Protein backbone atom coordinates (compact mmCIF):
# COMPACT_ATOMS: atom_id res chain seq x y z
CA MET A 1 0.32 -1.74 0.93
CA THR A 2 2.38 -4.17 -1.18
CA SER A 3 4.39 -2.41 -3.88
CA THR A 4 3.34 -2.89 -7.50
CA SER A 5 5.74 -3.21 -10.43
CA SER A 6 4.82 -2.12 -13.95
CA SER A 7 6.08 -3.95 -17.02
CA SER A 8 5.43 -4.29 -20.73
CA LEU A 9 5.85 -7.10 -23.20
CA GLN A 10 6.46 -6.95 -26.94
CA ILE A 11 4.27 -9.38 -28.88
CA GLY A 12 5.02 -9.11 -32.56
CA GLY A 13 4.38 -5.47 -33.32
CA SER A 14 2.19 -4.91 -30.26
CA THR A 15 2.88 -3.94 -26.65
CA LEU A 16 1.06 -5.50 -23.70
CA ALA A 17 1.23 -3.43 -20.50
CA TYR A 18 0.72 -5.11 -17.14
CA ASN A 19 1.30 -4.75 -13.42
CA CYS A 20 2.45 -7.36 -10.91
CA VAL A 21 2.06 -7.35 -7.15
CA GLY A 22 2.69 -9.98 -4.49
CA ASP A 23 4.42 -13.34 -4.45
CA GLY A 24 3.05 -16.84 -4.76
CA PRO A 25 0.85 -18.82 -7.17
CA ALA A 26 -0.09 -16.67 -10.15
CA VAL A 27 -3.44 -14.97 -10.66
CA VAL A 28 -4.10 -13.12 -13.94
CA VAL A 29 -6.91 -10.57 -13.91
CA VAL A 30 -8.48 -9.19 -17.09
CA HIS A 31 -10.69 -6.09 -17.43
CA GLY A 32 -13.65 -5.41 -19.72
CA ILE A 33 -14.58 -2.80 -22.33
CA GLY A 34 -13.75 0.67 -21.11
CA GLY A 35 -11.63 -0.77 -18.32
CA HIS A 36 -7.94 -0.96 -17.53
CA LYS A 37 -5.56 -2.75 -15.21
CA GLU A 38 -6.01 -0.22 -12.39
CA ASP A 39 -9.66 -1.32 -12.03
CA TRP A 40 -8.31 -4.36 -10.19
CA ALA A 41 -5.89 -2.60 -7.83
CA GLY A 42 -8.06 -3.32 -4.78
CA LEU A 43 -8.41 -7.03 -5.49
CA ALA A 44 -4.72 -7.27 -6.35
CA GLN A 45 -3.73 -5.87 -2.96
CA VAL A 46 -6.07 -8.30 -1.18
CA LEU A 47 -4.62 -11.30 -3.03
CA ALA A 48 -0.98 -10.14 -2.93
CA ALA A 49 -0.31 -11.69 0.49
CA GLU A 50 -0.49 -15.17 -1.02
CA HIS A 51 -0.33 -14.69 -4.80
CA SER A 52 1.56 -13.04 -7.62
CA VAL A 53 -1.22 -10.98 -9.19
CA TYR A 54 -0.90 -9.85 -12.81
CA THR A 55 -3.32 -7.17 -13.97
CA THR A 56 -3.21 -6.41 -17.69
CA ASP A 57 -4.31 -3.75 -20.12
CA LEU A 58 -5.81 -5.76 -22.97
CA LEU A 59 -4.60 -4.92 -26.46
CA GLY A 60 -6.35 -1.72 -27.53
CA PHE A 61 -6.79 -0.44 -23.97
CA GLY A 62 -4.89 1.58 -21.38
CA GLU A 63 -1.14 1.56 -21.93
CA SER A 64 -1.17 -1.39 -24.33
CA SER A 65 -0.96 -0.98 -28.12
CA LYS A 66 -3.74 0.92 -29.90
CA SER A 67 -2.91 0.34 -33.55
CA GLY A 68 -6.49 0.55 -34.81
CA GLU A 69 -6.19 -2.87 -36.44
CA VAL A 70 -8.94 -5.40 -35.71
CA ILE A 71 -8.23 -7.26 -32.45
CA THR A 72 -10.01 -10.58 -31.94
CA ILE A 73 -10.62 -12.55 -28.77
CA ALA A 74 -8.00 -15.03 -30.01
CA ASP A 75 -5.49 -12.15 -30.24
CA GLN A 76 -6.20 -11.21 -26.63
CA VAL A 77 -5.83 -14.83 -25.52
CA ALA A 78 -2.49 -15.11 -27.32
CA ALA A 79 -1.29 -11.97 -25.51
CA ILE A 80 -2.17 -13.43 -22.09
CA ILE A 81 -0.39 -16.68 -22.96
CA ALA A 82 2.65 -14.65 -24.01
CA LEU A 83 2.54 -12.91 -20.61
CA LEU A 84 2.47 -16.26 -18.80
CA ASP A 85 5.40 -17.48 -20.88
CA ALA A 86 7.41 -14.30 -20.28
CA GLU A 87 6.86 -14.57 -16.52
CA ASN A 88 7.63 -18.32 -16.52
CA VAL A 89 4.15 -19.12 -15.21
CA ALA A 90 3.12 -22.66 -16.12
CA LYS A 91 -0.44 -22.39 -14.76
CA ALA A 92 -2.48 -19.55 -13.30
CA ASP A 93 -5.85 -18.71 -11.85
CA ILE A 94 -7.66 -16.51 -14.39
CA VAL A 95 -10.21 -13.82 -13.52
CA GLY A 96 -12.07 -11.88 -16.22
CA ASN A 97 -14.85 -9.27 -16.22
CA SER A 98 -17.19 -8.62 -19.18
CA LEU A 99 -14.99 -8.68 -22.31
CA GLY A 100 -12.22 -9.97 -20.03
CA GLY A 101 -14.50 -12.84 -19.04
CA TRP A 102 -14.87 -13.74 -22.71
CA VAL A 103 -11.10 -13.71 -23.04
CA ALA A 104 -10.60 -15.72 -19.84
CA ALA A 105 -13.16 -18.38 -20.78
CA THR A 106 -11.73 -18.74 -24.29
CA LEU A 107 -8.24 -19.09 -22.82
CA ALA A 108 -9.43 -21.78 -20.40
CA ALA A 109 -11.12 -23.67 -23.24
CA THR A 110 -8.16 -23.37 -25.60
CA TYR A 111 -5.30 -23.87 -23.14
CA PRO A 112 -6.74 -26.00 -20.32
CA ASP A 113 -3.25 -26.99 -19.18
CA ARG A 114 -2.46 -23.32 -18.36
CA VAL A 115 -5.45 -22.67 -16.06
CA ASN A 116 -5.87 -23.76 -12.44
CA ARG A 117 -9.18 -22.07 -11.67
CA LEU A 118 -11.43 -19.72 -13.61
CA ILE A 119 -13.54 -16.82 -12.34
CA LEU A 120 -15.97 -15.21 -14.78
CA VAL A 121 -17.43 -11.86 -13.70
CA ASP A 122 -20.51 -10.64 -15.62
CA ALA A 123 -18.85 -12.28 -18.61
CA ALA A 124 -19.63 -11.35 -22.20
CA GLY A 125 -19.37 -13.66 -25.20
CA PHE A 126 -22.62 -15.64 -25.44
CA LYS A 127 -24.88 -15.30 -28.49
CA ALA A 128 -27.88 -14.32 -26.39
CA MET A 129 -26.03 -11.17 -25.38
CA PHE A 130 -25.84 -10.02 -29.01
CA GLU A 131 -29.47 -10.63 -29.95
CA GLY A 132 -31.56 -7.55 -30.68
CA LYS A 133 -30.42 -3.94 -30.39
CA PRO A 134 -28.02 -3.30 -27.48
CA PRO A 135 -29.52 -1.07 -24.77
CA VAL A 136 -26.41 1.11 -24.88
CA ASN A 137 -23.82 2.45 -27.29
CA PHE A 138 -20.58 0.82 -26.16
CA TYR A 139 -18.62 3.57 -27.94
CA PRO A 140 -20.44 6.75 -26.84
CA THR A 141 -19.77 10.06 -28.56
CA THR A 142 -22.17 12.27 -26.57
CA VAL A 143 -22.72 12.94 -22.89
CA ALA A 144 -26.23 11.46 -23.15
CA GLU A 145 -24.86 8.21 -24.59
CA MET A 146 -22.18 8.02 -21.91
CA SER A 147 -24.77 8.68 -19.19
CA ASN A 148 -26.91 5.83 -20.52
CA LEU A 149 -23.91 3.51 -20.61
CA LEU A 150 -22.96 4.38 -17.03
CA ASP A 151 -26.55 3.83 -15.90
CA HIS A 152 -26.39 0.28 -17.28
CA VAL A 153 -22.96 -0.72 -15.98
CA ARG A 154 -22.50 1.06 -12.63
CA PHE A 155 -24.57 0.77 -9.46
CA ASP A 156 -23.16 3.79 -7.60
CA PRO A 157 -25.39 6.85 -8.20
CA ALA A 158 -22.30 9.04 -8.02
CA THR A 159 -21.31 7.74 -11.47
CA HIS A 160 -24.60 8.92 -13.00
CA THR A 161 -23.96 12.66 -12.78
CA ASP A 162 -23.35 14.80 -15.87
CA ALA A 163 -19.94 15.81 -14.51
CA PHE A 164 -18.87 12.17 -14.19
CA ALA A 165 -20.24 11.39 -17.67
CA ILE A 166 -18.34 14.31 -19.21
CA GLN A 167 -15.11 13.17 -17.56
CA ALA A 168 -15.65 9.57 -18.68
CA LEU A 169 -16.49 10.64 -22.23
CA ALA A 170 -13.36 12.77 -22.47
CA ALA A 171 -11.24 9.84 -21.31
CA SER A 172 -12.87 7.42 -23.77
CA MET A 173 -12.29 9.79 -26.70
CA ALA A 174 -8.65 10.51 -25.87
CA ALA A 175 -6.12 10.20 -28.68
CA GLY A 176 -6.32 6.73 -30.20
CA ASP A 177 -8.86 5.37 -27.71
CA ALA A 178 -11.98 5.67 -29.87
CA GLN A 179 -10.27 4.08 -32.87
CA ALA A 180 -8.83 1.30 -30.72
CA SER A 181 -12.20 0.59 -29.10
CA ALA A 182 -13.80 0.30 -32.53
CA ALA A 183 -11.06 -2.15 -33.57
CA VAL A 184 -11.76 -4.28 -30.49
CA GLY A 185 -15.50 -4.13 -31.20
CA GLN A 186 -15.00 -5.32 -34.77
CA GLY A 187 -12.84 -8.16 -33.48
CA MET A 188 -15.54 -9.24 -31.03
CA PHE A 189 -18.10 -9.73 -33.77
CA VAL A 190 -15.85 -12.06 -35.78
CA SER A 191 -14.74 -14.09 -32.74
CA GLU A 192 -16.08 -17.44 -31.56
CA ARG A 193 -19.00 -17.15 -29.17
CA LEU A 194 -18.64 -18.93 -25.85
CA GLU A 195 -21.37 -21.46 -26.70
CA GLU A 196 -18.88 -22.85 -29.22
CA VAL A 197 -16.04 -23.38 -26.74
CA ALA A 198 -17.40 -23.41 -23.17
CA ASP A 199 -17.92 -27.18 -23.05
CA ARG A 200 -14.13 -27.54 -23.32
CA ILE A 201 -13.54 -25.70 -20.04
CA SER A 202 -12.32 -28.18 -17.45
CA ALA A 203 -10.97 -25.84 -14.75
CA PRO A 204 -13.06 -25.34 -11.58
CA THR A 205 -15.16 -22.31 -12.47
CA LEU A 206 -16.91 -19.65 -10.39
CA VAL A 207 -19.42 -17.35 -12.10
CA ILE A 208 -19.82 -14.04 -10.25
CA TRP A 209 -22.57 -11.62 -11.28
CA GLY A 210 -23.73 -8.22 -10.11
CA ALA A 211 -27.29 -8.74 -8.86
CA GLU A 212 -28.33 -5.39 -10.36
CA ASP A 213 -26.55 -5.69 -13.73
CA LYS A 214 -28.74 -3.85 -16.26
CA LEU A 215 -26.50 -4.64 -19.21
CA PHE A 216 -26.42 -8.42 -18.79
CA PRO A 217 -29.18 -9.19 -16.23
CA ALA A 218 -28.35 -11.66 -13.49
CA GLY A 219 -30.42 -14.40 -15.12
CA ILE A 220 -27.74 -14.69 -17.78
CA ALA A 221 -25.43 -16.12 -15.13
CA ASP A 222 -27.53 -19.28 -15.30
CA LEU A 223 -26.85 -19.44 -19.04
CA VAL A 224 -23.13 -19.28 -18.31
CA THR A 225 -23.17 -21.97 -15.62
CA GLY A 226 -25.32 -24.14 -17.86
CA HIS A 227 -22.54 -24.25 -20.44
CA ILE A 228 -19.66 -24.95 -18.03
CA GLN A 229 -19.82 -28.29 -16.29
CA GLY A 230 -19.44 -28.13 -12.52
CA SER A 231 -19.46 -24.32 -12.36
CA ARG A 232 -21.33 -22.45 -9.64
CA LYS A 233 -22.85 -18.99 -9.37
CA VAL A 234 -22.61 -16.21 -6.78
CA LEU A 235 -24.60 -12.96 -7.02
CA ILE A 236 -23.07 -9.80 -5.53
CA PRO A 237 -25.69 -7.49 -3.97
CA ASN A 238 -25.67 -3.74 -4.59
CA ALA A 239 -23.59 -4.23 -7.72
CA SER A 240 -24.09 -3.89 -11.45
CA HIS A 241 -21.80 -4.90 -14.34
CA PHE A 242 -18.59 -4.14 -12.43
CA PRO A 243 -19.11 -5.75 -9.00
CA GLN A 244 -15.38 -5.49 -8.29
CA LEU A 245 -15.91 -1.71 -8.20
CA ASP A 246 -19.51 -1.41 -6.99
CA ASN A 247 -19.23 -3.73 -3.97
CA ALA A 248 -15.54 -4.49 -3.61
CA VAL A 249 -15.74 -5.88 -0.07
CA ALA A 250 -18.29 -8.57 -0.95
CA PHE A 251 -16.66 -9.30 -4.30
CA ASN A 252 -13.15 -9.67 -2.90
CA ALA A 253 -14.38 -11.99 -0.14
CA VAL A 254 -16.00 -14.32 -2.69
CA VAL A 255 -12.84 -14.41 -4.82
CA VAL A 256 -10.57 -15.09 -1.83
CA GLU A 257 -12.80 -17.91 -0.60
CA PHE A 258 -12.82 -19.59 -4.03
CA LEU A 259 -9.06 -19.31 -4.51
CA GLN A 260 -8.43 -20.83 -1.07
CA ARG A 261 -10.24 -24.05 -2.00
């Protein structure tokens, strides 16, 4: 196993925590709501033989700052750009899941000269995803709400037990986490939707989707590819909203193949 180094970066009054593993062309990987940089440890090890892989905790998550102030998608993009600058990375491949996909796509649209290739994984950020009442509470405060959330985002039945839900709820309500999550949520609803920026994405783009995603059903992947010229879609079987966790072998193989092009 390739050793991983942990670092942090001061951005104004905020701290961005990130890991780096491997050596070679840079890949930056961004998690979604409720996630953290360790979610990508498996993919990072797979890519480390040929890449420098940076996995981040977005602002408001994990070991990064949790000030409780509203954090927009533009704020998250600025933090990733600051990471690239600090690591002297001129251009990188960008991978983002869910909220991280929104961040990654916005970065690619705003800073096209900093992105080689783009991989969007069950990406959030399109208006259609915000229409009507969400099927889940993204900021659960009860075991029942957490169980419902897990049922929508994870494929593995082992994550649907009460014991797992209790553990996940305790983690999500740890000191500062609930307030920080609310701040990120507020920032999402005042941020540009991807319909407004996606046509500016020029990087080769792969859209990966869990075939059994109950939160954002797989048909939404066609909406995403329809807004990004030249993009293509791959569905991961036996996977829901987090295919990198639900079916890591299939997911990692698709990512490796795309990055080798």
